[in-house]
Amino acid sequence: MNELTTIISTVGFPIFSFLITGFALKYVYDRERKSLDDTIDKIGKLTEAVNHNSEVLSRFVKEED
């Protein structure tokens, strides 16, 4: 029984620390990925708005000529 307790106390903490660190990294990665996806969607919408504005401006320029 003492051997089992010694093994758990010496090996258990590093394993526990490794698992907690892994879960923390996954949480941060998932949160940052979601933030990046949201940013990419917003940039896509802004690009679409700029393209529409460019079309309208070119129509105005053509009408003036």
C-alpha atoms as a PDB file:
ATOM      1  CA  MET A   1       0.000   0.000   0.000  1.00  0.00           C
ATOM      2  CA  ASN A   2       2.874   2.385   0.778  1.00  0.00           C
ATOM      3  CA  GLU A   3       4.347   1.726  -2.659  1.00  0.00           C
ATOM      4  CA  LEU A   4       1.032   2.629  -4.323  1.00  0.00           C
ATOM      5  CA  THR A   5       0.790   5.818  -2.284  1.00  0.00           C
ATOM      6  CA  THR A   6       4.359   6.735  -3.213  1.00  0.00           C
ATOM      7  CA  ILE A   7       3.695   6.117  -6.912  1.00  0.00           C
ATOM      8  CA  ILE A   8       0.524   8.219  -6.856  1.00  0.00           C
ATOM      9  CA  SER A   9       2.197  11.049  -4.981  1.00  0.00           C
ATOM     10  CA  THR A  10       5.233  11.122  -7.294  1.00  0.00           C
ATOM     11  CA  VAL A  11       3.576  10.429 -10.649  1.00  0.00           C
ATOM     12  CA  GLY A  12       0.025  11.568  -9.948  1.00  0.00           C
ATOM     13  CA  PHE A  13       0.760  15.270  -9.599  1.00  0.00           C
ATOM     14  CA  PRO A  14       2.626  15.603 -12.926  1.00  0.00           C
ATOM     15  CA  ILE A  15      -0.156  13.728 -14.712  1.00  0.00           C
ATOM     16  CA  PHE A  16      -2.797  15.900 -13.055  1.00  0.00           C
ATOM     17  CA  SER A  17      -0.852  19.057 -13.942  1.00  0.00           C
ATOM     18  CA  PHE A  18      -0.483  17.895 -17.540  1.00  0.00           C
ATOM     19  CA  LEU A  19      -4.231  17.238 -17.854  1.00  0.00           C
ATOM     20  CA  ILE A  20      -5.195  20.582 -16.333  1.00  0.00           C
ATOM     21  CA  THR A  21      -2.760  22.394 -18.629  1.00  0.00           C
ATOM     22  CA  GLY A  22      -4.177  20.526 -21.620  1.00  0.00           C
ATOM     23  CA  PHE A  23      -7.743  21.502 -20.741  1.00  0.00           C
ATOM     24  CA  ALA A  24      -6.691  25.127 -20.215  1.00  0.00           C
ATOM     25  CA  LEU A  25      -4.924  25.248 -23.587  1.00  0.00           C
ATOM     26  CA  LYS A  26      -7.943  23.731 -25.327  1.00  0.00           C
ATOM     27  CA  TYR A  27     -10.234  26.297 -23.689  1.00  0.00           C
ATOM     28  CA  VAL A  28      -8.021  29.205 -24.766  1.00  0.00           C
ATOM     29  CA  TYR A  29      -7.626  27.774 -28.283  1.00  0.00           C
ATOM     30  CA  ASP A  30     -11.390  27.298 -28.714  1.00  0.00           C
ATOM     31  CA  ARG A  31     -12.128  30.813 -27.446  1.00  0.00           C
ATOM     32  CA  GLU A  32      -9.516  32.385 -29.721  1.00  0.00           C
ATOM     33  CA  ARG A  33     -10.721  30.343 -32.702  1.00  0.00           C
ATOM     34  CA  LYS A  34     -14.285  31.555 -32.157  1.00  0.00           C
ATOM     35  CA  SER A  35     -13.038  35.128 -31.905  1.00  0.00           C
ATOM     36  CA  LEU A  36     -11.053  34.697 -35.120  1.00  0.00           C
ATOM     37  CA  ASP A  37     -14.075  33.228 -36.929  1.00  0.00           C
ATOM     38  CA  ASP A  38     -16.216  36.183 -35.795  1.00  0.00           C
ATOM     39  CA  THR A  39     -13.565  38.620 -37.008  1.00  0.00           C
ATOM     40  CA  ILE A  40     -13.335  36.902 -40.392  1.00  0.00           C
ATOM     41  CA  ASP A  41     -17.140  37.131 -40.761  1.00  0.00           C
ATOM     42  CA  LYS A  42     -17.063  40.848 -39.947  1.00  0.00           C
ATOM     43  CA  ILE A  43     -14.256  41.473 -42.437  1.00  0.00           C
ATOM     44  CA  GLY A  44     -16.274  39.628 -45.086  1.00  0.00           C
ATOM     45  CA  LYS A  45     -19.294  41.849 -44.433  1.00  0.00           C
ATOM     46  CA  LEU A  46     -17.141  44.984 -44.566  1.00  0.00           C
ATOM     47  CA  THR A  47     -15.593  43.836 -47.841  1.00  0.00           C
ATOM     48  CA  GLU A  48     -19.054  43.292 -49.290  1.00  0.00           C
ATOM     49  CA  ALA A  49     -20.141  46.783 -48.180  1.00  0.00           C
ATOM     50  CA  VAL A  50     -17.062  48.387 -49.747  1.00  0.00           C
ATOM     51  CA  ASN A  51     -17.683  46.516 -53.004  1.00  0.00           C
ATOM     52  CA  HIS A  52     -21.304  47.708 -53.100  1.00  0.00           C
ATOM     53  CA  ASN A  53     -20.207  51.279 -52.383  1.00  0.00           C
ATOM     54  CA  SER A  54     -17.634  51.073 -55.185  1.00  0.00           C
ATOM     55  CA  GLU A  55     -20.339  49.898 -57.602  1.00  0.00           C
ATOM     56  CA  VAL A  56     -22.606  52.790 -56.661  1.00  0.00           C
ATOM     57  CA  LEU A  57     -19.798  55.321 -56.997  1.00  0.00           C
ATOM     58  CA  SER A  58     -18.884  53.989 -60.455  1.00  0.00           C
ATOM     59  CA  ARG A  59     -22.530  54.316 -61.506  1.00  0.00           C
ATOM     60  CA  PHE A  60     -22.542  57.955 -60.359  1.00  0.00           C
ATOM     61  CA  VAL A  61     -19.353  58.660 -62.292  1.00  0.00           C
ATOM     62  CA  LYS A  62     -20.787  57.037 -65.439  1.00  0.00           C
ATOM     63  CA  GLU A  63     -24.016  59.070 -65.127  1.00  0.00           C
ATOM     64  CA  GLU A  64     -22.086  62.347 -64.920  1.00  0.00           C
ATOM     65  CA  ASP A  65     -20.200  61.654 -68.143  1.00  0.00           C
END
